[in-house]
Amino acid sequence: MRHLGLRKILDAGCGDGRNILAFAKYGFNATGTDISGLALKKAEELCRNYPNAEFKKEPLEKPSFKRESFDVIVCDFVTAHLKEIELITNNFHKLLKKNGYLLIEFTSYKDPHCGKGKKIGEREFLQKGFYLRFYTINQIEKIMGKFRILCIDSISYTDPGHGTGYNRKKRHQHHSYFVFAQKN
């Protein structure tokens, strides 16, 4: 990414900071946001040796950053928990610099967790008190309307788990669509 002149990265919904750590190690100016104070505390501890990593507690629905602040936004396993996804992708569009990139994961309706819990809408469920939403490619293309979609990959993977304080502590499977897009 550096050879493209991309330096400033936002990890939107950074959780415990595992992505931020990788970006910081490679010398990027990495900012992580999350609504969980516990997750941010873990992220700050994980990245304590990297002054180019910073963290902010704030919701994706109301970002405090100036327009066109970032070259790249990464949003990894967050959209499953968001009710206002269109608002958030519009915010990402505003926060990206011209020709900036967005890598965003949408949990697929093929995910093994889809259909579990209390149904509250079309592919929307409450599982152990957590809101989960699952997406089709048609929904994703509509949501990403302001962006030029460069590719959509359908991927099944094993998540290592999230440790103490999280709903899924142990290894588990997911199926997601990873979308790589560019701001028009």
C-alpha atoms as a PDB file:
ATOM      1  CA  MET A   1       0.000   0.000   0.000  1.00  0.00           C
ATOM      2  CA  ARG A   2       2.907   2.344   0.662  1.00  0.00           C
ATOM      3  CA  HIS A   3       3.995   2.227  -2.996  1.00  0.00           C
ATOM      4  CA  LEU A   4       0.567   3.678  -3.816  1.00  0.00           C
ATOM      5  CA  GLY A   5       1.151   6.550  -1.382  1.00  0.00           C
ATOM      6  CA  LEU A   6      -1.360   5.209   1.120  1.00  0.00           C
ATOM      7  CA  ARG A   7      -0.278   6.100   4.659  1.00  0.00           C
ATOM      8  CA  LYS A   8      -3.313   6.809   6.856  1.00  0.00           C
ATOM      9  CA  ILE A   9      -5.505   3.871   7.804  1.00  0.00           C
ATOM     10  CA  LEU A  10      -8.692   3.728   9.865  1.00  0.00           C
ATOM     11  CA  ASP A  11      -9.662   0.398  11.401  1.00  0.00           C
ATOM     12  CA  ALA A  12     -13.356   1.034  12.006  1.00  0.00           C
ATOM     13  CA  GLY A  13     -14.506  -1.200  14.842  1.00  0.00           C
ATOM     14  CA  CYS A  14     -10.953  -2.243  15.688  1.00  0.00           C
ATOM     15  CA  GLY A  15     -11.847  -4.450  18.649  1.00  0.00           C
ATOM     16  CA  ASP A  16      -8.753  -5.657  20.488  1.00  0.00           C
ATOM     17  CA  GLY A  17      -6.407  -4.167  17.873  1.00  0.00           C
ATOM     18  CA  ARG A  18      -5.061  -7.164  16.011  1.00  0.00           C
ATOM     19  CA  ASN A  19      -5.322  -5.388  12.626  1.00  0.00           C
ATOM     20  CA  ILE A  20      -3.939  -2.102  13.969  1.00  0.00           C
ATOM     21  CA  LEU A  21      -0.880  -3.916  15.312  1.00  0.00           C
ATOM     22  CA  ALA A  22      -0.072  -5.248  11.834  1.00  0.00           C
ATOM     23  CA  PHE A  23      -0.542  -1.826  10.211  1.00  0.00           C
ATOM     24  CA  ALA A  24       1.579  -0.101  12.858  1.00  0.00           C
ATOM     25  CA  LYS A  25       4.372  -2.687  12.527  1.00  0.00           C
ATOM     26  CA  TYR A  26       4.560  -1.906   8.813  1.00  0.00           C
ATOM     27  CA  GLY A  27       4.859   1.820   9.511  1.00  0.00           C
ATOM     28  CA  PHE A  28       1.385   3.035   8.627  1.00  0.00           C
ATOM     29  CA  ASN A  29      -0.333   5.761  10.637  1.00  0.00           C
ATOM     30  CA  ALA A  30      -3.121   3.626  12.023  1.00  0.00           C
ATOM     31  CA  THR A  31      -6.187   4.811  13.904  1.00  0.00           C
ATOM     32  CA  GLY A  32      -8.611   2.406  15.521  1.00  0.00           C
ATOM     33  CA  THR A  33     -12.120   3.203  16.689  1.00  0.00           C
ATOM     34  CA  ASP A  34     -14.492   1.071  18.707  1.00  0.00           C
ATOM     35  CA  ILE A  35     -17.409   1.559  21.091  1.00  0.00           C
ATOM     36  CA  SER A  36     -16.015  -0.923  23.607  1.00  0.00           C
ATOM     37  CA  GLY A  37     -13.770   0.580  26.244  1.00  0.00           C
ATOM     38  CA  LEU A  38     -12.599  -2.929  27.197  1.00  0.00           C
ATOM     39  CA  ALA A  39     -11.580  -3.712  23.608  1.00  0.00           C
ATOM     40  CA  LEU A  40      -9.771  -0.384  23.234  1.00  0.00           C
ATOM     41  CA  LYS A  41      -7.877  -0.947  26.467  1.00  0.00           C
ATOM     42  CA  LYS A  42      -6.662  -4.301  25.090  1.00  0.00           C
ATOM     43  CA  ALA A  43      -5.773  -2.666  21.761  1.00  0.00           C
ATOM     44  CA  GLU A  44      -3.787   0.108  23.439  1.00  0.00           C
ATOM     45  CA  GLU A  45      -1.853  -2.457  25.476  1.00  0.00           C
ATOM     46  CA  LEU A  46      -1.169  -4.576  22.389  1.00  0.00           C
ATOM     47  CA  CYS A  47       0.148  -1.557  20.443  1.00  0.00           C
ATOM     48  CA  ARG A  48       1.909   0.210  23.321  1.00  0.00           C
ATOM     49  CA  ASN A  49       5.285   0.138  21.499  1.00  0.00           C
ATOM     50  CA  TYR A  50       3.932   1.790  18.356  1.00  0.00           C
ATOM     51  CA  PRO A  51       3.455   5.566  18.549  1.00  0.00           C
ATOM     52  CA  ASN A  52       1.941   5.477  15.042  1.00  0.00           C
ATOM     53  CA  ALA A  53      -1.095   3.611  16.432  1.00  0.00           C
ATOM     54  CA  GLU A  54      -3.839   5.627  18.095  1.00  0.00           C
ATOM     55  CA  PHE A  55      -7.283   4.785  19.385  1.00  0.00           C
ATOM     56  CA  LYS A  56     -10.560   6.579  19.845  1.00  0.00           C
ATOM     57  CA  LYS A  57     -13.790   5.495  21.508  1.00  0.00           C
ATOM     58  CA  GLU A  58     -16.644   6.511  19.237  1.00  0.00           C
ATOM     59  CA  PRO A  59     -19.520   5.000  17.266  1.00  0.00           C
ATOM     60  CA  LEU A  60     -19.256   4.550  13.506  1.00  0.00           C
ATOM     61  CA  GLU A  61     -22.615   6.307  13.171  1.00  0.00           C
ATOM     62  CA  LYS A  62     -21.097   9.600  14.397  1.00  0.00           C
ATOM     63  CA  PRO A  63     -17.396   9.834  13.501  1.00  0.00           C
ATOM     64  CA  SER A  64     -15.537  12.895  14.743  1.00  0.00           C
ATOM     65  CA  PHE A  65     -12.858  12.923  12.026  1.00  0.00           C
ATOM     66  CA  LYS A  66     -12.664  15.568   9.309  1.00  0.00           C
ATOM     67  CA  ARG A  67     -13.794  14.735   5.801  1.00  0.00           C
ATOM     68  CA  GLU A  68     -11.199  13.013   3.623  1.00  0.00           C
ATOM     69  CA  SER A  69      -8.979  12.077   6.584  1.00  0.00           C
ATOM     70  CA  PHE A  70      -7.975   8.556   5.498  1.00  0.00           C
ATOM     71  CA  ASP A  71      -6.375   6.786   2.537  1.00  0.00           C
ATOM     72  CA  VAL A  72      -7.762   3.399   3.566  1.00  0.00           C
ATOM     73  CA  ILE A  73     -10.587   2.228   5.826  1.00  0.00           C
ATOM     74  CA  VAL A  74     -10.762  -1.361   7.039  1.00  0.00           C
ATOM     75  CA  CYS A  75     -13.948  -2.661   8.640  1.00  0.00           C
ATOM     76  CA  ASP A  76     -13.483  -6.291   9.654  1.00  0.00           C
ATOM     77  CA  PHE A  77     -16.328  -8.325  11.216  1.00  0.00           C
ATOM     78  CA  VAL A  78     -18.296  -5.284  12.289  1.00  0.00           C
ATOM     79  CA  THR A  79     -21.158  -4.989   9.800  1.00  0.00           C
ATOM     80  CA  ALA A  80     -22.882  -8.023  11.306  1.00  0.00           C
ATOM     81  CA  HIS A  81     -23.581  -5.900  14.389  1.00  0.00           C
ATOM     82  CA  LEU A  82     -24.688  -2.690  12.653  1.00  0.00           C
ATOM     83  CA  LYS A  83     -28.311  -1.702  12.147  1.00  0.00           C
ATOM     84  CA  GLU A  84     -27.537   1.498  10.216  1.00  0.00           C
ATOM     85  CA  ILE A  85     -25.131   0.094   7.635  1.00  0.00           C
ATOM     86  CA  GLU A  86     -26.098   2.579   4.892  1.00  0.00           C
ATOM     87  CA  LEU A  87     -25.361   5.536   7.199  1.00  0.00           C
ATOM     88  CA  ILE A  88     -22.016   4.013   8.139  1.00  0.00           C
ATOM     89  CA  THR A  89     -20.893   3.296   4.575  1.00  0.00           C
ATOM     90  CA  ASN A  90     -21.883   6.885   3.689  1.00  0.00           C
ATOM     91  CA  ASN A  91     -19.688   8.044   6.591  1.00  0.00           C
ATOM     92  CA  PHE A  92     -16.820   5.924   5.270  1.00  0.00           C
ATOM     93  CA  HIS A  93     -17.272   7.569   1.866  1.00  0.00           C
ATOM     94  CA  LYS A  94     -16.969  11.008   3.499  1.00  0.00           C
ATOM     95  CA  LEU A  95     -13.913  10.016   5.564  1.00  0.00           C
ATOM     96  CA  LEU A  96     -11.953   8.600   2.637  1.00  0.00           C
ATOM     97  CA  LYS A  97      -9.711  10.787   0.528  1.00  0.00           C
ATOM     98  CA  LYS A  98     -10.415  10.957  -3.201  1.00  0.00           C
ATOM     99  CA  ASN A  99      -9.654   7.537  -4.734  1.00  0.00           C
ATOM    100  CA  GLY A 100      -9.278   6.077  -1.227  1.00  0.00           C
ATOM    101  CA  TYR A 101      -9.924   2.397  -0.557  1.00  0.00           C
ATOM    102  CA  LEU A 102     -12.386   0.535   1.629  1.00  0.00           C
ATOM    103  CA  LEU A 103     -11.951  -3.097   2.657  1.00  0.00           C
ATOM    104  CA  ILE A 104     -15.133  -4.166   4.379  1.00  0.00           C
ATOM    105  CA  GLU A 105     -16.396  -7.555   5.503  1.00  0.00           C
ATOM    106  CA  PHE A 106     -20.078  -8.444   5.323  1.00  0.00           C
ATOM    107  CA  THR A 107     -21.133 -11.594   7.151  1.00  0.00           C
ATOM    108  CA  SER A 108     -22.825 -13.827   4.599  1.00  0.00           C
ATOM    109  CA  TYR A 109     -26.227 -15.439   4.816  1.00  0.00           C
ATOM    110  CA  LYS A 110     -24.197 -18.678   4.328  1.00  0.00           C
ATOM    111  CA  ASP A 111     -22.513 -18.173   7.731  1.00  0.00           C
ATOM    112  CA  PRO A 112     -23.193 -21.067  10.143  1.00  0.00           C
ATOM    113  CA  HIS A 113     -24.612 -18.593  12.694  1.00  0.00           C
ATOM    114  CA  CYS A 114     -27.295 -17.277  10.318  1.00  0.00           C
ATOM    115  CA  GLY A 115     -30.742 -18.394  11.432  1.00  0.00           C
ATOM    116  CA  LYS A 116     -29.777 -18.933  15.056  1.00  0.00           C
ATOM    117  CA  GLY A 117     -31.343 -16.916  17.838  1.00  0.00           C
ATOM    118  CA  LYS A 118     -34.500 -14.815  17.791  1.00  0.00           C
ATOM    119  CA  LYS A 119     -35.476 -13.633  14.312  1.00  0.00           C
ATOM    120  CA  ILE A 120     -36.187  -9.881  14.257  1.00  0.00           C
ATOM    121  CA  GLY A 121     -36.037  -9.181  10.517  1.00  0.00           C
ATOM    122  CA  GLU A 122     -34.932 -10.567   7.179  1.00  0.00           C
ATOM    123  CA  ARG A 123     -31.590 -12.246   7.985  1.00  0.00           C
ATOM    124  CA  GLU A 124     -31.501 -10.293  11.290  1.00  0.00           C
ATOM    125  CA  PHE A 125     -31.280 -12.085  14.638  1.00  0.00           C
ATOM    126  CA  LEU A 126     -30.645 -11.564  18.336  1.00  0.00           C
ATOM    127  CA  GLN A 127     -28.167 -14.123  19.644  1.00  0.00           C
ATOM    128  CA  LYS A 128     -27.327 -14.023  23.348  1.00  0.00           C
ATOM    129  CA  GLY A 129     -28.289 -10.340  23.405  1.00  0.00           C
ATOM    130  CA  PHE A 130     -26.170  -9.446  20.349  1.00  0.00           C
ATOM    131  CA  TYR A 131     -27.667  -8.082  17.125  1.00  0.00           C
ATOM    132  CA  LEU A 132     -26.512 -10.015  14.046  1.00  0.00           C
ATOM    133  CA  ARG A 133     -27.285  -9.256  10.420  1.00  0.00           C
ATOM    134  CA  PHE A 134     -26.361 -11.436   7.451  1.00  0.00           C
ATOM    135  CA  TYR A 135     -26.019 -10.185   3.860  1.00  0.00           C
ATOM    136  CA  THR A 136     -26.551 -11.286   0.268  1.00  0.00           C
ATOM    137  CA  ILE A 137     -24.420 -10.016  -2.609  1.00  0.00           C
ATOM    138  CA  ASN A 138     -27.402  -8.037  -3.979  1.00  0.00           C
ATOM    139  CA  GLN A 139     -27.772  -6.232  -0.634  1.00  0.00           C
ATOM    140  CA  ILE A 140     -24.045  -5.493  -0.534  1.00  0.00           C
ATOM    141  CA  GLU A 141     -24.021  -4.039  -4.046  1.00  0.00           C
ATOM    142  CA  LYS A 142     -26.893  -1.720  -3.096  1.00  0.00           C
ATOM    143  CA  ILE A 143     -25.246  -0.674   0.203  1.00  0.00           C
ATOM    144  CA  MET A 144     -21.959   0.028  -1.599  1.00  0.00           C
ATOM    145  CA  GLY A 145     -23.635   2.181  -4.267  1.00  0.00           C
ATOM    146  CA  LYS A 146     -21.405   5.237  -3.712  1.00  0.00           C
ATOM    147  CA  PHE A 147     -18.253   3.171  -4.233  1.00  0.00           C
ATOM    148  CA  ARG A 148     -16.679   1.482  -7.220  1.00  0.00           C
ATOM    149  CA  ILE A 149     -16.521  -2.179  -6.219  1.00  0.00           C
ATOM    150  CA  LEU A 150     -13.189  -3.628  -7.313  1.00  0.00           C
ATOM    151  CA  CYS A 151     -13.878  -7.157  -6.097  1.00  0.00           C
ATOM    152  CA  ILE A 152     -16.061  -9.249  -3.819  1.00  0.00           C
ATOM    153  CA  ASP A 153     -14.575 -12.453  -2.410  1.00  0.00           C
ATOM    154  CA  SER A 154     -16.658 -15.150  -0.748  1.00  0.00           C
ATOM    155  CA  ILE A 155     -14.582 -16.706   2.045  1.00  0.00           C
ATOM    156  CA  SER A 156     -15.129 -19.336   4.734  1.00  0.00           C
ATOM    157  CA  TYR A 157     -12.637 -19.130   7.586  1.00  0.00           C
ATOM    158  CA  THR A 158     -11.916 -20.108  11.164  1.00  0.00           C
ATOM    159  CA  ASP A 159     -11.889 -17.264  13.678  1.00  0.00           C
ATOM    160  CA  PRO A 160      -9.435 -17.934  16.524  1.00  0.00           C
ATOM    161  CA  GLY A 161     -11.879 -16.580  19.113  1.00  0.00           C
ATOM    162  CA  HIS A 162     -11.860 -13.349  21.030  1.00  0.00           C
ATOM    163  CA  GLY A 163     -10.908 -14.270  24.583  1.00  0.00           C
ATOM    164  CA  THR A 164     -12.323 -13.110  27.889  1.00  0.00           C
ATOM    165  CA  GLY A 165     -15.132 -10.575  27.755  1.00  0.00           C
ATOM    166  CA  TYR A 166     -16.412 -11.579  24.327  1.00  0.00           C
ATOM    167  CA  ASN A 167     -19.409 -13.633  23.199  1.00  0.00           C
ATOM    168  CA  ARG A 168     -17.364 -16.134  21.170  1.00  0.00           C
ATOM    169  CA  LYS A 169     -14.306 -17.062  23.187  1.00  0.00           C
ATOM    170  CA  LYS A 170     -13.362 -20.235  21.304  1.00  0.00           C
ATOM    171  CA  ARG A 171     -12.484 -21.007  17.690  1.00  0.00           C
ATOM    172  CA  HIS A 172     -15.480 -20.831  15.379  1.00  0.00           C
ATOM    173  CA  GLN A 173     -16.370 -20.750  11.689  1.00  0.00           C
ATOM    174  CA  HIS A 174     -17.584 -17.837   9.580  1.00  0.00           C
ATOM    175  CA  HIS A 175     -18.586 -17.238   5.997  1.00  0.00           C
ATOM    176  CA  SER A 176     -18.227 -13.676   4.740  1.00  0.00           C
ATOM    177  CA  TYR A 177     -18.058 -11.487   1.682  1.00  0.00           C
ATOM    178  CA  PHE A 178     -14.954  -9.300   1.656  1.00  0.00           C
ATOM    179  CA  VAL A 179     -15.481  -6.234  -0.489  1.00  0.00           C
ATOM    180  CA  PHE A 180     -12.604  -4.150  -1.811  1.00  0.00           C
ATOM    181  CA  ALA A 181     -13.897  -0.838  -3.135  1.00  0.00           C
ATOM    182  CA  GLN A 182     -12.690   2.599  -4.111  1.00  0.00           C
ATOM    183  CA  LYS A 183     -14.199   6.009  -3.528  1.00  0.00           C
ATOM    184  CA  ASN A 184     -15.357   7.482  -6.837  1.00  0.00           C
END
